[in-house]
Amino acid sequence: MGRVTTRVRRTRLDVVSGARVERTDTVAVEEPLEIRVDNNSLTTTMRTPGDDFDLAIGHLLTEGLLHGADEVATLMHCTDLDESGSPTFNVVDVTLAPGAVLHRAPRERTQGMTSACGVCGSASVDAVRTSSRYAVAGDPLSLSAEVVAGLPDVLRQQQPVFQRTGGVHAAGLATASGDLLHVREDVGRHNAVDKVVGAAARVGSLPLGGHVLVVSARASFEIIQKASVVGIPAVVAVGAPTSLAVDLAVDRGITLVAFTRHPSMSIYSRPDRLAT
């Protein structure tokens, strides 16, 4: 799978018998990606290579820096080189369309972004609450509880990197009827969401009303934040929610479903959108 996975040596140890087995293993690749806008460095995040243009656009949208993919003129990989002189494709340069500007200053961070976090390192809690342009609370989305309960299984069927490595997250954008329109994988759960948003924005326009964001990980604050910024009215997570995620979902009127494993689920906000 190219630079998405790689083979490494490992030793499997049985602590009871003391037996050691040497073999190779497939692991997910993690490399830095620097996003530049008009040749100015914006941020660097650790990600799984692939769908880098989706990630760049999605990040700009979910951070509220751009309002649509049409504000981007071109995207290109810079010819950055590693120690051996080979290209790494770890820098994406975004050129804004004529007349387009960043709608707010990039969030000030006190540390670099890793694959584990989306909003960590922000200078203040207030900086995290990026204002959404869309009133998702008024979205008339209606969902079948049976469809929602099955979304994680549908997502799992489209996770080839996870099936090979067990080391990546996935995010999917689904219709109300349960059809997955876009699926992306990444070592960072927030990167997977950005990739999905970017993929959707490149073929359509915001807001992404009437859709459901499905994530294979827990429902954390930044996942709900990203959904709110691009107008997604429902988030379905395989794992647990955090307290801030629940608070934000309630505040923004987003339907938040967690611990979703057919045939059960836990609904933390806007249960009125689900019909049994």
Protein backbone atom coordinates (compact mmCIF):
# COMPACT_ATOMS: atom_id res chain seq x y z
CA MET A 1 0.00 0.00 0.00
CA GLY A 2 2.92 2.27 -0.71
CA ARG A 3 3.77 4.80 1.98
CA VAL A 4 0.55 4.10 3.92
CA THR A 5 1.97 0.93 5.53
CA THR A 6 5.45 -0.50 5.95
CA ARG A 7 7.06 -3.75 7.11
CA VAL A 8 9.10 -3.93 10.33
CA ARG A 9 10.77 -6.67 12.36
CA ARG A 10 9.15 -7.81 15.59
CA THR A 11 9.70 -10.44 18.28
CA ARG A 12 6.63 -12.17 19.68
CA LEU A 13 7.22 -13.33 23.26
CA ASP A 14 5.14 -15.84 25.19
CA VAL A 15 5.75 -14.98 28.86
CA VAL A 16 4.52 -18.39 30.05
CA SER A 17 6.70 -20.61 27.88
CA GLY A 18 9.41 -18.08 27.18
CA ALA A 19 9.14 -18.83 23.47
CA ARG A 20 10.25 -16.13 21.06
CA VAL A 21 9.15 -15.95 17.46
CA GLU A 22 10.86 -13.59 15.00
CA ARG A 23 8.77 -12.30 12.14
CA THR A 24 7.87 -9.22 10.12
CA ASP A 25 4.82 -7.11 10.82
CA THR A 26 2.79 -4.53 8.90
CA VAL A 27 2.44 -1.17 10.64
CA ALA A 28 0.82 2.12 9.68
CA VAL A 29 3.18 4.85 8.50
CA GLU A 30 3.30 8.09 10.49
CA GLU A 31 5.04 11.11 8.98
CA PRO A 32 4.80 14.89 9.40
CA LEU A 33 2.80 17.00 6.98
CA GLU A 34 3.43 20.73 6.80
CA ILE A 35 0.58 22.80 5.38
CA ARG A 36 1.56 26.09 3.78
CA VAL A 37 -0.76 28.80 2.47
CA ASP A 38 0.72 30.99 -0.25
CA ASN A 39 4.20 29.76 0.75
CA ASN A 40 3.67 30.66 4.43
CA SER A 41 3.84 27.80 6.92
CA LEU A 42 0.50 27.34 8.68
CA THR A 43 0.84 24.15 10.70
CA THR A 44 2.51 20.77 10.86
CA THR A 45 0.68 17.62 11.91
CA MET A 46 1.63 13.96 12.14
CA ARG A 47 -0.44 11.92 9.70
CA THR A 48 -0.62 8.79 7.59
CA PRO A 49 0.50 9.75 4.06
CA GLY A 50 -2.25 9.77 1.47
CA ASP A 51 -5.20 12.06 0.73
CA ASP A 52 -2.95 14.97 1.71
CA PHE A 53 -4.89 17.48 -0.39
CA ASP A 54 -8.12 16.43 1.31
CA LEU A 55 -6.39 16.84 4.68
CA ALA A 56 -5.09 20.30 3.82
CA ILE A 57 -8.44 21.62 2.60
CA GLY A 58 -10.35 19.90 5.39
CA HIS A 59 -8.08 21.41 8.02
CA LEU A 60 -8.51 24.90 6.60
CA LEU A 61 -12.29 24.46 6.59
CA THR A 62 -12.73 22.88 10.02
CA GLU A 63 -10.48 25.51 11.56
CA GLY A 64 -12.70 28.21 10.07
CA LEU A 65 -9.83 29.63 8.03
CA LEU A 66 -11.69 29.12 4.76
CA HIS A 67 -15.41 28.88 4.00
CA GLY A 68 -15.26 26.66 0.93
CA ALA A 69 -12.97 24.69 -1.34
CA ASP A 70 -13.63 27.23 -4.10
CA GLU A 71 -11.40 29.65 -2.18
CA VAL A 72 -8.45 27.41 -3.11
CA ALA A 73 -6.84 27.85 -6.53
CA THR A 74 -4.21 25.11 -6.47
CA LEU A 75 -2.66 22.51 -4.20
CA MET A 76 0.73 20.96 -4.77
CA HIS A 77 3.30 18.85 -2.99
CA CYS A 78 6.54 20.72 -2.52
CA THR A 79 9.71 18.91 -3.52
CA ASP A 80 11.09 18.57 0.00
CA LEU A 81 13.88 16.01 0.32
CA ASP A 82 14.97 13.57 3.03
CA GLU A 83 18.56 12.89 4.14
CA SER A 84 19.17 10.68 1.12
CA GLY A 85 17.93 13.29 -1.32
CA SER A 86 14.67 11.48 -2.09
CA PRO A 87 11.38 13.44 -2.20
CA THR A 88 9.17 12.97 0.87
CA PHE A 89 5.97 14.70 -0.27
CA ASN A 90 5.53 15.91 3.31
CA VAL A 91 4.71 19.53 2.45
CA VAL A 92 1.50 20.75 0.79
CA ASP A 93 1.39 24.31 -0.49
CA VAL A 94 -2.08 25.80 -0.86
CA THR A 95 -2.53 28.76 -3.22
CA LEU A 96 -5.63 30.82 -2.53
CA ALA A 97 -7.95 31.84 -5.34
CA PRO A 98 -7.81 35.48 -6.51
CA GLY A 99 -9.47 37.67 -3.89
CA ALA A 100 -9.61 34.91 -1.28
CA VAL A 101 -8.09 35.44 2.16
CA LEU A 102 -7.92 33.51 5.40
CA HIS A 103 -11.03 34.52 7.34
CA ARG A 104 -9.27 34.52 10.66
CA ALA A 105 -5.76 34.18 11.99
CA PRO A 106 -4.55 30.60 12.50
CA ARG A 107 -5.05 29.38 16.05
CA GLU A 108 -2.11 30.25 18.25
CA ARG A 109 -0.53 27.10 19.64
CA THR A 110 2.00 26.60 22.39
CA GLN A 111 3.26 23.29 20.96
CA GLY A 112 3.29 21.34 17.73
CA MET A 113 0.35 19.18 16.63
CA THR A 114 0.65 15.41 16.88
CA SER A 115 -1.46 12.59 15.50
CA ALA A 116 -3.09 12.34 18.92
CA CYS A 117 -4.65 15.78 19.12
CA GLY A 118 -6.52 18.34 17.11
CA VAL A 119 -6.78 21.33 19.42
CA CYS A 120 -4.06 20.55 21.94
CA GLY A 121 -1.53 23.30 22.37
CA SER A 122 -4.04 26.09 21.79
CA ALA A 123 -3.13 29.20 23.73
CA SER A 124 -6.52 29.42 25.43
CA VAL A 125 -9.81 27.57 25.76
CA ASP A 126 -11.60 30.47 24.07
CA ALA A 127 -9.41 29.99 21.00
CA VAL A 128 -10.75 26.46 20.67
CA ARG A 129 -14.37 27.51 20.24
CA THR A 130 -14.18 28.39 16.58
CA SER A 131 -17.46 30.03 15.60
CA SER A 132 -19.63 28.06 13.22
CA ARG A 133 -21.39 29.84 10.37
CA TYR A 134 -24.17 27.26 10.29
CA ALA A 135 -27.19 26.73 12.53
CA VAL A 136 -26.97 22.95 12.79
CA ALA A 137 -29.57 22.96 15.57
CA GLY A 138 -32.21 23.73 12.96
CA ASP A 139 -31.17 20.96 10.57
CA PRO A 140 -34.28 18.80 9.89
CA LEU A 141 -32.24 15.59 9.74
CA SER A 142 -34.22 12.49 10.73
CA LEU A 143 -32.44 9.20 11.34
CA SER A 144 -33.44 5.58 11.72
CA ALA A 145 -32.01 4.13 14.93
CA GLU A 146 -31.43 0.85 13.09
CA VAL A 147 -29.37 2.61 10.44
CA VAL A 148 -27.33 4.54 13.02
CA ALA A 149 -26.59 1.39 15.02
CA GLY A 150 -25.17 -0.25 11.90
CA LEU A 151 -22.96 2.63 10.74
CA PRO A 152 -19.78 1.52 12.59
CA ASP A 153 -19.97 -1.91 10.94
CA VAL A 154 -20.44 -0.30 7.53
CA LEU A 155 -17.44 1.95 8.22
CA ARG A 156 -15.32 -1.00 9.35
CA GLN A 157 -15.83 -2.70 5.99
CA GLN A 158 -14.07 0.23 4.32
CA GLN A 159 -10.98 0.35 6.54
CA PRO A 160 -8.29 -1.56 4.61
CA VAL A 161 -5.36 0.01 6.47
CA PHE A 162 -6.89 -0.82 9.86
CA GLN A 163 -7.47 -4.38 8.74
CA ARG A 164 -3.77 -4.71 7.93
CA THR A 165 -2.32 -2.82 10.88
CA GLY A 166 -4.92 -2.20 13.59
CA GLY A 167 -3.21 1.16 14.02
CA VAL A 168 -5.35 3.82 12.34
CA HIS A 169 -8.63 5.64 12.90
CA ALA A 170 -11.34 6.13 10.31
CA ALA A 171 -13.99 8.73 9.60
CA GLY A 172 -16.88 8.54 7.19
CA LEU A 173 -19.53 10.92 5.89
CA ALA A 174 -22.89 9.17 5.55
CA THR A 175 -26.31 10.07 4.25
CA ALA A 176 -29.40 9.78 6.44
CA SER A 177 -30.12 6.45 4.78
CA GLY A 178 -26.73 5.07 5.85
CA ASP A 179 -24.80 5.28 2.58
CA LEU A 180 -21.14 6.19 3.10
CA LEU A 181 -20.12 8.88 0.62
CA HIS A 182 -16.51 9.31 1.74
CA VAL A 183 -14.23 7.30 4.05
CA ARG A 184 -10.69 8.20 5.08
CA GLU A 185 -8.16 6.60 7.44
CA ASP A 186 -5.33 8.17 9.41
CA VAL A 187 -3.26 7.64 12.54
CA GLY A 188 -4.88 10.84 13.86
CA ARG A 189 -8.62 10.77 14.45
CA HIS A 190 -8.89 14.50 13.76
CA ASN A 191 -6.88 14.06 10.56
CA ALA A 192 -9.30 11.38 9.39
CA VAL A 193 -12.18 13.83 9.93
CA ASP A 194 -10.33 16.61 8.10
CA LYS A 195 -9.66 14.27 5.18
CA VAL A 196 -13.34 13.34 4.94
CA VAL A 197 -14.44 16.97 5.11
CA GLY A 198 -11.87 17.94 2.49
CA ALA A 199 -12.98 15.13 0.18
CA ALA A 200 -16.62 16.20 0.48
CA ALA A 201 -15.83 19.89 0.03
CA ARG A 202 -13.78 19.27 -3.11
CA VAL A 203 -16.79 17.75 -4.88
CA GLY A 204 -19.53 19.87 -3.30
CA SER A 205 -20.16 22.89 -1.17
CA LEU A 206 -20.67 23.61 2.50
CA PRO A 207 -22.57 23.23 4.73
CA LEU A 208 -22.72 19.45 4.96
CA GLY A 209 -26.25 19.53 6.31
CA GLY A 210 -28.33 16.38 6.32
CA HIS A 211 -25.26 14.18 6.79
CA VAL A 212 -23.79 12.08 9.57
CA LEU A 213 -20.13 11.99 10.62
CA VAL A 214 -19.08 8.49 11.71
CA VAL A 215 -15.82 8.01 13.61
CA SER A 216 -14.11 4.83 14.75
CA ALA A 217 -12.68 6.50 17.85
CA ARG A 218 -14.08 8.31 20.85
CA ALA A 219 -16.14 11.47 20.43
CA SER A 220 -13.87 14.22 21.68
CA PHE A 221 -14.35 17.97 21.68
CA GLU A 222 -12.48 18.63 18.45
CA ILE A 223 -14.58 16.08 16.54
CA ILE A 224 -17.80 17.86 17.54
CA GLN A 225 -16.16 21.22 16.88
CA LYS A 226 -15.20 20.22 13.34
CA ALA A 227 -18.70 18.89 12.64
CA SER A 228 -20.22 22.15 13.86
CA VAL A 229 -17.95 24.36 11.76
CA VAL A 230 -18.87 22.58 8.50
CA GLY A 231 -22.57 22.16 9.34
CA ILE A 232 -22.81 18.43 10.11
CA PRO A 233 -25.81 17.88 12.43
CA ALA A 234 -25.01 14.37 13.74
CA VAL A 235 -21.91 12.53 14.97
CA VAL A 236 -21.81 8.78 15.58
CA ALA A 237 -18.84 7.35 17.49
CA VAL A 238 -17.77 3.81 18.27
CA GLY A 239 -16.11 4.91 21.50
CA ALA A 240 -16.99 7.08 24.46
CA PRO A 241 -17.72 10.81 24.48
CA THR A 242 -15.89 13.35 26.60
CA SER A 243 -17.60 15.88 28.84
CA LEU A 244 -16.64 18.81 26.60
CA ALA A 245 -17.89 16.94 23.54
CA VAL A 246 -21.28 16.46 25.20
CA ASP A 247 -21.40 20.09 26.32
CA LEU A 248 -20.60 21.37 22.84
CA ALA A 249 -23.05 19.00 21.14
CA VAL A 250 -25.83 20.20 23.45
CA ASP A 251 -24.85 23.83 22.93
CA ARG A 252 -24.75 23.56 19.12
CA GLY A 253 -27.73 21.25 18.71
CA ILE A 254 -25.74 18.34 17.28
CA THR A 255 -27.01 14.81 17.73
CA LEU A 256 -24.23 12.91 19.50
CA VAL A 257 -24.35 9.12 19.57
CA ALA A 258 -21.55 7.13 21.23
CA PHE A 259 -20.81 3.55 22.32
CA THR A 260 -22.44 2.57 19.03
CA ARG A 261 -22.38 -1.20 18.66
CA HIS A 262 -25.37 -2.84 17.05
CA PRO A 263 -27.98 -3.23 18.42
CA SER A 264 -27.37 -0.60 21.10
CA MET A 265 -26.11 2.96 21.40
CA SER A 266 -26.05 5.87 23.83
CA ILE A 267 -27.51 9.22 22.76
CA TYR A 268 -26.14 12.28 24.57
CA SER A 269 -27.87 15.13 22.74
CA ARG A 270 -30.78 15.73 20.39
CA PRO A 271 -32.32 12.23 20.62
CA ASP A 272 -35.40 13.62 18.84
CA ARG A 273 -33.63 13.10 15.50
CA LEU A 274 -33.63 9.30 15.99
CA ALA A 275 -36.75 7.25 15.32
CA THR A 276 -37.12 3.65 16.44
